[in-house]
Structure formats: structure tokens, C-alpha cells
Amino acid sequence: MFFRHIGFSRVLNDKTARMLVSHLLTNGKQIRVILRRNIGICAPVLQKATDPIQQLFIDKIREYAKKSSAAGGKLVEPTPETERELAAELEKVAKQYGGGEGVNMTQFPTFQFKEPEIDPINLEK
């Protein structure tokens, strides 16, 4: 057997070695998936790009994050044209979906449900 040739026969008996090999062979796909997922999860932790283009991309994302937090949730570096386009689109949506003057269409609507009035059941009839 393979394990005897590499010196495992002293540590593992044949039955244990066969069980180990069969377990690894049957669960090989699962092990590959787990390793692939762990590499995918750990990749952002490394934070060091090996490719200069990747490093430029990461730098631009970080720069945009700083500008976005400085803008306070508004558009980042808006031009007057983009602000006009945004206002026109919001007005169009407001007209289409029933928003009027002074209605904030960027906010999720609040719903109020009233309890329905139920007629009493007369059991004596």
C-alpha cells in the first residue's frame, strides 16, 4: 500500500489509512469549495494589490469614498447640468407617481392601516 512506502505504516494501520483516503476522495469537491471560499473571503483582508492597475482601481475607490463621505450623501462633484438632470428626473417621477408640491419623493412612503369595521353577528336569528 502507498502509506507503507512513505513510512505511515508504523503510525496508521491499513484500515485507518483506507478510511482516510476514501474520506479525502469522497469529500474532495467539498474541500476545494471550502478552500476557494476562504481565499475569496481573505482576499480583501490582504489590502495589497500586486497588479498596478488593481492598485490604481483601489486608490480611486478610496478617493471616491472620501469624497462621498465629505459630500454628506449628495452627488459627488456635481456639475450644474447633472443637478438639473436630477431635478428633472425627480419632478418626472413625482408627476408620474402622484407626488405634488412639497412631497419628498426620495423618502420611502409610510403606510397607515386602519382596522376595518366588522358588523356584529347576531347568533339569535
N, C-alpha and C. Protein backbone atom coordinates (compact mmCIF):
# COMPACT_ATOMS: atom_id res chain seq x y z
N MET A 1 0.84 -1.18 0.00
CA MET A 1 0.00 0.00 0.00
C MET A 1 0.89 1.24 0.00
N PHE A 2 0.33 2.35 -0.45
CA PHE A 2 1.04 3.61 -0.60
C PHE A 2 1.63 4.10 0.72
N PHE A 3 0.85 3.98 1.80
CA PHE A 3 1.29 4.50 3.08
C PHE A 3 2.48 3.74 3.64
N ARG A 4 2.62 2.47 3.30
CA ARG A 4 3.79 1.70 3.75
C ARG A 4 5.06 2.22 3.10
N HIS A 5 4.94 2.63 1.85
CA HIS A 5 6.12 3.09 1.12
C HIS A 5 6.62 4.43 1.64
N ILE A 6 5.76 5.23 2.17
CA ILE A 6 6.22 6.55 2.65
C ILE A 6 6.39 6.58 4.16
N GLY A 7 6.26 5.45 4.84
CA GLY A 7 6.56 5.40 6.26
C GLY A 7 5.38 5.57 7.19
N PHE A 8 4.15 5.61 6.68
CA PHE A 8 2.99 5.77 7.52
C PHE A 8 2.52 4.45 8.13
N SER A 9 3.06 3.36 7.67
CA SER A 9 2.56 2.07 8.16
C SER A 9 2.81 1.90 9.64
N ARG A 10 3.81 2.56 10.16
CA ARG A 10 4.07 2.46 11.60
C ARG A 10 3.03 3.23 12.40
N VAL A 11 2.54 4.33 11.85
CA VAL A 11 1.62 5.19 12.57
C VAL A 11 0.16 4.77 12.35
N LEU A 12 -0.18 4.50 11.11
CA LEU A 12 -1.56 4.16 10.77
C LEU A 12 -1.64 2.70 10.34
N ASN A 13 -2.67 2.03 10.79
CA ASN A 13 -2.86 0.69 10.28
C ASN A 13 -3.56 0.79 8.92
N ASP A 14 -3.65 -0.29 8.20
CA ASP A 14 -4.20 -0.27 6.85
C ASP A 14 -5.66 0.18 6.82
N LYS A 15 -6.44 -0.23 7.78
CA LYS A 15 -7.86 0.14 7.80
C LYS A 15 -8.04 1.64 7.98
N THR A 16 -7.29 2.23 8.88
CA THR A 16 -7.36 3.67 9.12
C THR A 16 -6.88 4.43 7.89
N ALA A 17 -5.83 3.94 7.25
CA ALA A 17 -5.32 4.60 6.06
C ALA A 17 -6.33 4.55 4.94
N ARG A 18 -7.00 3.41 4.74
CA ARG A 18 -8.01 3.30 3.70
C ARG A 18 -9.18 4.24 3.98
N MET A 19 -9.59 4.33 5.24
CA MET A 19 -10.69 5.23 5.60
C MET A 19 -10.32 6.68 5.32
N LEU A 20 -9.08 7.04 5.65
CA LEU A 20 -8.61 8.41 5.42
C LEU A 20 -8.61 8.74 3.94
N VAL A 21 -8.08 7.83 3.12
CA VAL A 21 -8.02 8.06 1.68
C VAL A 21 -9.42 8.12 1.10
N SER A 22 -10.32 7.22 1.49
CA SER A 22 -11.67 7.23 0.94
C SER A 22 -12.42 8.50 1.37
N HIS A 23 -12.19 8.97 2.58
CA HIS A 23 -12.83 10.20 3.05
C HIS A 23 -12.34 11.40 2.24
N LEU A 24 -11.04 11.47 1.99
CA LEU A 24 -10.50 12.57 1.21
C LEU A 24 -10.99 12.53 -0.22
N LEU A 25 -11.10 11.33 -0.79
CA LEU A 25 -11.56 11.23 -2.17
C LEU A 25 -13.03 11.57 -2.30
N THR A 26 -13.86 11.15 -1.36
CA THR A 26 -15.29 11.43 -1.47
C THR A 26 -15.61 12.89 -1.14
N ASN A 27 -14.85 13.51 -0.29
CA ASN A 27 -15.12 14.90 0.10
C ASN A 27 -14.17 15.89 -0.56
N GLY A 28 -13.50 15.46 -1.62
CA GLY A 28 -12.54 16.33 -2.30
C GLY A 28 -13.18 17.57 -2.88
N LYS A 29 -14.38 17.42 -3.46
CA LYS A 29 -15.06 18.58 -4.04
C LYS A 29 -15.42 19.59 -2.96
N GLN A 30 -15.88 19.09 -1.82
CA GLN A 30 -16.26 20.00 -0.74
C GLN A 30 -15.04 20.73 -0.20
N ILE A 31 -13.93 20.04 -0.12
CA ILE A 31 -12.70 20.68 0.38
C ILE A 31 -12.26 21.78 -0.57
N ARG A 32 -12.36 21.52 -1.90
CA ARG A 32 -11.98 22.55 -2.87
C ARG A 32 -12.89 23.77 -2.75
N VAL A 33 -14.18 23.56 -2.56
CA VAL A 33 -15.13 24.68 -2.44
C VAL A 33 -14.82 25.48 -1.18
N ILE A 34 -14.54 24.79 -0.08
CA ILE A 34 -14.23 25.48 1.17
C ILE A 34 -12.96 26.30 1.03
N LEU A 35 -11.94 25.74 0.41
CA LEU A 35 -10.70 26.48 0.23
C LEU A 35 -10.90 27.69 -0.68
N ARG A 36 -11.69 27.53 -1.74
CA ARG A 36 -11.96 28.63 -2.65
C ARG A 36 -12.70 29.75 -1.93
N ARG A 37 -13.68 29.39 -1.10
CA ARG A 37 -14.43 30.41 -0.36
C ARG A 37 -13.54 31.13 0.63
N ASN A 38 -12.67 30.40 1.31
CA ASN A 38 -11.79 31.04 2.28
C ASN A 38 -10.83 31.99 1.60
N ILE A 39 -10.36 31.65 0.43
CA ILE A 39 -9.48 32.56 -0.30
C ILE A 39 -10.26 33.79 -0.71
N GLY A 40 -11.50 33.62 -1.14
CA GLY A 40 -12.33 34.76 -1.53
C GLY A 40 -12.64 35.68 -0.37
N ILE A 41 -12.79 35.12 0.81
CA ILE A 41 -13.09 35.93 1.98
C ILE A 41 -11.84 36.66 2.47
N CYS A 42 -10.71 36.00 2.38
CA CYS A 42 -9.47 36.59 2.89
C CYS A 42 -8.84 37.60 1.93
N ALA A 43 -9.26 37.60 0.67
CA ALA A 43 -8.63 38.50 -0.30
C ALA A 43 -8.75 39.97 0.07
N PRO A 44 -9.92 40.47 0.50
CA PRO A 44 -9.97 41.88 0.87
C PRO A 44 -9.14 42.22 2.10
N VAL A 45 -8.88 41.23 2.92
CA VAL A 45 -8.10 41.46 4.13
C VAL A 45 -6.65 41.79 3.78
N LEU A 46 -6.19 41.24 2.68
CA LEU A 46 -4.79 41.45 2.30
C LEU A 46 -4.51 42.92 1.98
N GLN A 47 -5.46 43.61 1.34
CA GLN A 47 -5.38 45.04 1.05
C GLN A 47 -4.11 45.46 0.31
N LYS A 48 -3.47 44.53 -0.32
CA LYS A 48 -2.27 44.88 -1.08
C LYS A 48 -2.43 44.32 -2.48
N ALA A 49 -2.52 45.20 -3.46
CA ALA A 49 -2.69 44.77 -4.83
C ALA A 49 -1.33 44.48 -5.45
N THR A 50 -1.26 43.39 -6.17
CA THR A 50 0.00 43.04 -6.81
C THR A 50 0.11 43.65 -8.20
N ASP A 51 -1.00 43.93 -8.81
CA ASP A 51 -1.04 44.49 -10.15
C ASP A 51 -1.16 46.01 -10.04
N PRO A 52 -0.40 46.78 -10.81
CA PRO A 52 -0.51 48.25 -10.71
C PRO A 52 -1.89 48.78 -11.11
N ILE A 53 -2.56 48.10 -12.02
CA ILE A 53 -3.90 48.53 -12.42
C ILE A 53 -4.88 48.29 -11.27
N GLN A 54 -4.71 47.16 -10.58
CA GLN A 54 -5.55 46.90 -9.40
C GLN A 54 -5.31 47.96 -8.34
N GLN A 55 -4.06 48.35 -8.16
CA GLN A 55 -3.73 49.36 -7.16
C GLN A 55 -4.35 50.70 -7.52
N LEU A 56 -4.34 51.06 -8.81
CA LEU A 56 -4.99 52.30 -9.25
C LEU A 56 -6.49 52.25 -8.98
N PHE A 57 -7.10 51.10 -9.26
CA PHE A 57 -8.53 50.93 -9.02
C PHE A 57 -8.86 51.09 -7.54
N ILE A 58 -8.07 50.47 -6.67
CA ILE A 58 -8.29 50.57 -5.23
C ILE A 58 -8.11 52.01 -4.76
N ASP A 59 -7.10 52.69 -5.29
CA ASP A 59 -6.88 54.09 -4.92
C ASP A 59 -8.06 54.96 -5.32
N LYS A 60 -8.60 54.74 -6.53
CA LYS A 60 -9.75 55.53 -6.99
C LYS A 60 -10.99 55.25 -6.13
N ILE A 61 -11.18 54.00 -5.73
CA ILE A 61 -12.32 53.67 -4.86
C ILE A 61 -12.18 54.37 -3.52
N ARG A 62 -11.00 54.35 -2.96
CA ARG A 62 -10.77 55.02 -1.67
C ARG A 62 -10.96 56.54 -1.80
N GLU A 63 -10.48 57.12 -2.91
CA GLU A 63 -10.65 58.55 -3.14
C GLU A 63 -12.13 58.91 -3.25
N TYR A 64 -12.89 58.09 -3.98
CA TYR A 64 -14.33 58.32 -4.12
C TYR A 64 -15.04 58.18 -2.78
N ALA A 65 -14.62 57.22 -1.95
CA ALA A 65 -15.23 57.05 -0.63
C ALA A 65 -15.02 58.29 0.23
N LYS A 66 -13.84 58.88 0.16
CA LYS A 66 -13.57 60.10 0.93
C LYS A 66 -14.44 61.25 0.43
N LYS A 67 -14.53 61.40 -0.90
CA LYS A 67 -15.34 62.48 -1.46
C LYS A 67 -16.82 62.27 -1.15
N SER A 68 -17.27 61.03 -1.19
CA SER A 68 -18.67 60.73 -0.91
C SER A 68 -19.03 61.04 0.53
N SER A 69 -18.14 60.69 1.46
CA SER A 69 -18.43 61.00 2.87
C SER A 69 -18.37 62.50 3.12
N ALA A 70 -17.52 63.22 2.39
CA ALA A 70 -17.44 64.67 2.55
C ALA A 70 -18.69 65.35 1.97
N ALA A 71 -19.30 64.74 0.94
CA ALA A 71 -20.49 65.33 0.32
C ALA A 71 -21.73 65.14 1.18
N GLY A 72 -21.68 64.21 2.11
CA GLY A 72 -22.80 64.01 3.02
C GLY A 72 -24.01 63.35 2.39
N GLY A 73 -23.80 62.39 1.51
CA GLY A 73 -24.92 61.67 0.91
C GLY A 73 -25.46 62.27 -0.37
N LYS A 74 -24.91 63.38 -0.80
CA LYS A 74 -25.34 64.00 -2.05
C LYS A 74 -24.43 63.53 -3.18
N LEU A 75 -24.65 64.07 -4.36
CA LEU A 75 -23.81 63.71 -5.50
C LEU A 75 -22.37 64.17 -5.27
N VAL A 76 -21.43 63.37 -5.75
CA VAL A 76 -20.02 63.71 -5.62
C VAL A 76 -19.62 64.57 -6.82
N GLU A 77 -19.10 65.73 -6.54
CA GLU A 77 -18.65 66.70 -7.55
C GLU A 77 -19.71 66.91 -8.64
N PRO A 78 -20.90 67.37 -8.26
CA PRO A 78 -21.95 67.54 -9.29
C PRO A 78 -21.71 68.80 -10.12
N THR A 79 -22.02 68.70 -11.37
CA THR A 79 -21.99 69.88 -12.24
C THR A 79 -23.41 70.45 -12.26
N PRO A 80 -23.57 71.70 -12.66
CA PRO A 80 -24.93 72.27 -12.74
C PRO A 80 -25.84 71.47 -13.68
N GLU A 81 -25.26 70.90 -14.73
CA GLU A 81 -26.04 70.10 -15.67
C GLU A 81 -26.58 68.83 -15.01
N THR A 82 -25.74 68.12 -14.23
CA THR A 82 -26.21 66.90 -13.57
C THR A 82 -27.24 67.22 -12.49
N GLU A 83 -27.09 68.35 -11.82
CA GLU A 83 -28.08 68.74 -10.82
C GLU A 83 -29.43 69.05 -11.49
N ARG A 84 -29.41 69.69 -12.66
CA ARG A 84 -30.65 69.97 -13.40
C ARG A 84 -31.29 68.65 -13.86
N GLU A 85 -30.48 67.72 -14.33
CA GLU A 85 -31.00 66.43 -14.78
C GLU A 85 -31.65 65.67 -13.61
N LEU A 86 -31.01 65.70 -12.45
CA LEU A 86 -31.56 65.04 -11.27
C LEU A 86 -32.90 65.68 -10.87
N ALA A 87 -32.95 67.00 -10.87
CA ALA A 87 -34.19 67.69 -10.51
C ALA A 87 -35.29 67.36 -11.52
N ALA A 88 -34.94 67.30 -12.80
CA ALA A 88 -35.94 66.98 -13.83
C ALA A 88 -36.45 65.55 -13.66
N GLU A 89 -35.59 64.62 -13.37
CA GLU A 89 -36.00 63.22 -13.18
C GLU A 89 -36.87 63.07 -11.94
N LEU A 90 -36.51 63.76 -10.86
CA LEU A 90 -37.33 63.69 -9.64
C LEU A 90 -38.71 64.31 -9.87
N GLU A 91 -38.75 65.38 -10.65
CA GLU A 91 -40.04 66.01 -10.98
C GLU A 91 -40.88 65.07 -11.84
N LYS A 92 -40.24 64.41 -12.78
CA LYS A 92 -40.94 63.47 -13.66
C LYS A 92 -41.53 62.31 -12.85
N VAL A 93 -40.75 61.79 -11.91
CA VAL A 93 -41.23 60.69 -11.06
C VAL A 93 -42.36 61.18 -10.16
N ALA A 94 -42.24 62.38 -9.65
CA ALA A 94 -43.28 62.94 -8.78
C ALA A 94 -44.60 63.07 -9.54
N LYS A 95 -44.55 63.53 -10.79
CA LYS A 95 -45.77 63.65 -11.58
C LYS A 95 -46.35 62.28 -11.90
N GLN A 96 -45.48 61.34 -12.20
CA GLN A 96 -45.93 60.02 -12.62
C GLN A 96 -46.56 59.23 -11.47
N TYR A 97 -46.03 59.39 -10.27
CA TYR A 97 -46.49 58.57 -9.14
C TYR A 97 -47.25 59.36 -8.09
N GLY A 98 -47.76 60.52 -8.41
CA GLY A 98 -48.67 61.23 -7.52
C GLY A 98 -48.02 62.14 -6.51
N GLY A 99 -46.77 62.42 -6.64
CA GLY A 99 -46.14 63.38 -5.73
C GLY A 99 -46.49 64.78 -6.17
N GLY A 100 -46.74 65.64 -5.22
CA GLY A 100 -47.09 67.02 -5.57
C GLY A 100 -46.05 67.98 -5.04
N GLU A 101 -46.46 69.21 -4.96
CA GLU A 101 -45.58 70.26 -4.45
C GLU A 101 -45.28 69.98 -2.99
N GLY A 102 -44.02 69.94 -2.64
CA GLY A 102 -43.61 69.76 -1.25
C GLY A 102 -43.55 68.30 -0.79
N VAL A 103 -43.81 67.35 -1.67
CA VAL A 103 -43.75 65.93 -1.31
C VAL A 103 -42.34 65.43 -1.62
N ASN A 104 -41.71 64.82 -0.63
CA ASN A 104 -40.35 64.29 -0.80
C ASN A 104 -40.44 62.91 -1.44
N MET A 105 -40.08 62.81 -2.71
CA MET A 105 -40.18 61.55 -3.44
C MET A 105 -38.95 60.66 -3.22
N THR A 106 -37.95 61.14 -2.51
CA THR A 106 -36.77 60.32 -2.26
C THR A 106 -36.92 59.51 -0.98
N GLN A 107 -38.01 59.71 -0.24
CA GLN A 107 -38.24 59.02 1.02
C GLN A 107 -39.22 57.88 0.80
N PHE A 108 -39.01 56.78 1.51
CA PHE A 108 -39.92 55.64 1.42
C PHE A 108 -41.25 56.03 2.05
N PRO A 109 -42.36 55.69 1.41
CA PRO A 109 -43.66 56.10 1.96
C PRO A 109 -44.00 55.38 3.26
N THR A 110 -44.78 56.06 4.09
CA THR A 110 -45.25 55.44 5.32
C THR A 110 -46.69 55.01 5.10
N PHE A 111 -47.02 53.85 5.59
CA PHE A 111 -48.36 53.30 5.41
C PHE A 111 -49.07 53.28 6.75
N GLN A 112 -50.36 53.61 6.71
CA GLN A 112 -51.18 53.54 7.91
C GLN A 112 -52.41 52.70 7.57
N PHE A 113 -52.58 51.64 8.30
CA PHE A 113 -53.70 50.74 8.07
C PHE A 113 -54.70 50.89 9.21
N LYS A 114 -55.95 51.16 8.84
CA LYS A 114 -56.99 51.27 9.85
C LYS A 114 -57.65 49.91 10.01
N GLU A 115 -58.07 49.65 11.20
CA GLU A 115 -58.77 48.40 11.50
C GLU A 115 -60.15 48.46 10.84
N PRO A 116 -60.52 47.46 10.05
CA PRO A 116 -61.82 47.52 9.38
C PRO A 116 -62.96 47.33 10.39
N GLU A 117 -64.06 47.99 10.10
CA GLU A 117 -65.23 47.84 10.95
C GLU A 117 -65.99 46.58 10.52
N ILE A 118 -66.27 45.74 11.48
CA ILE A 118 -66.95 44.49 11.20
C ILE A 118 -68.34 44.54 11.83
N ASP A 119 -69.33 44.16 11.06
CA ASP A 119 -70.70 44.13 11.58
C ASP A 119 -70.82 43.00 12.58
N PRO A 120 -71.49 43.25 13.69
CA PRO A 120 -71.64 42.17 14.66
C PRO A 120 -72.54 41.06 14.11
N ILE A 121 -72.23 39.86 14.49
CA ILE A 121 -73.02 38.71 14.05
C ILE A 121 -74.10 38.45 15.08
N ASN A 122 -75.31 38.39 14.63
CA ASN A 122 -76.43 38.12 15.51
C ASN A 122 -76.70 36.61 15.47
N LEU A 123 -76.33 35.93 16.55
CA LEU A 123 -76.47 34.47 16.58
C LEU A 123 -77.87 34.02 16.95
N GLU A 124 -78.72 34.91 17.44
CA GLU A 124 -80.06 34.51 17.87
C GLU A 124 -81.02 34.29 16.69
N LYS A 125 -80.78 34.83 15.57
CA LYS A 125 -81.69 34.69 14.43
C LYS A 125 -81.59 33.36 13.76
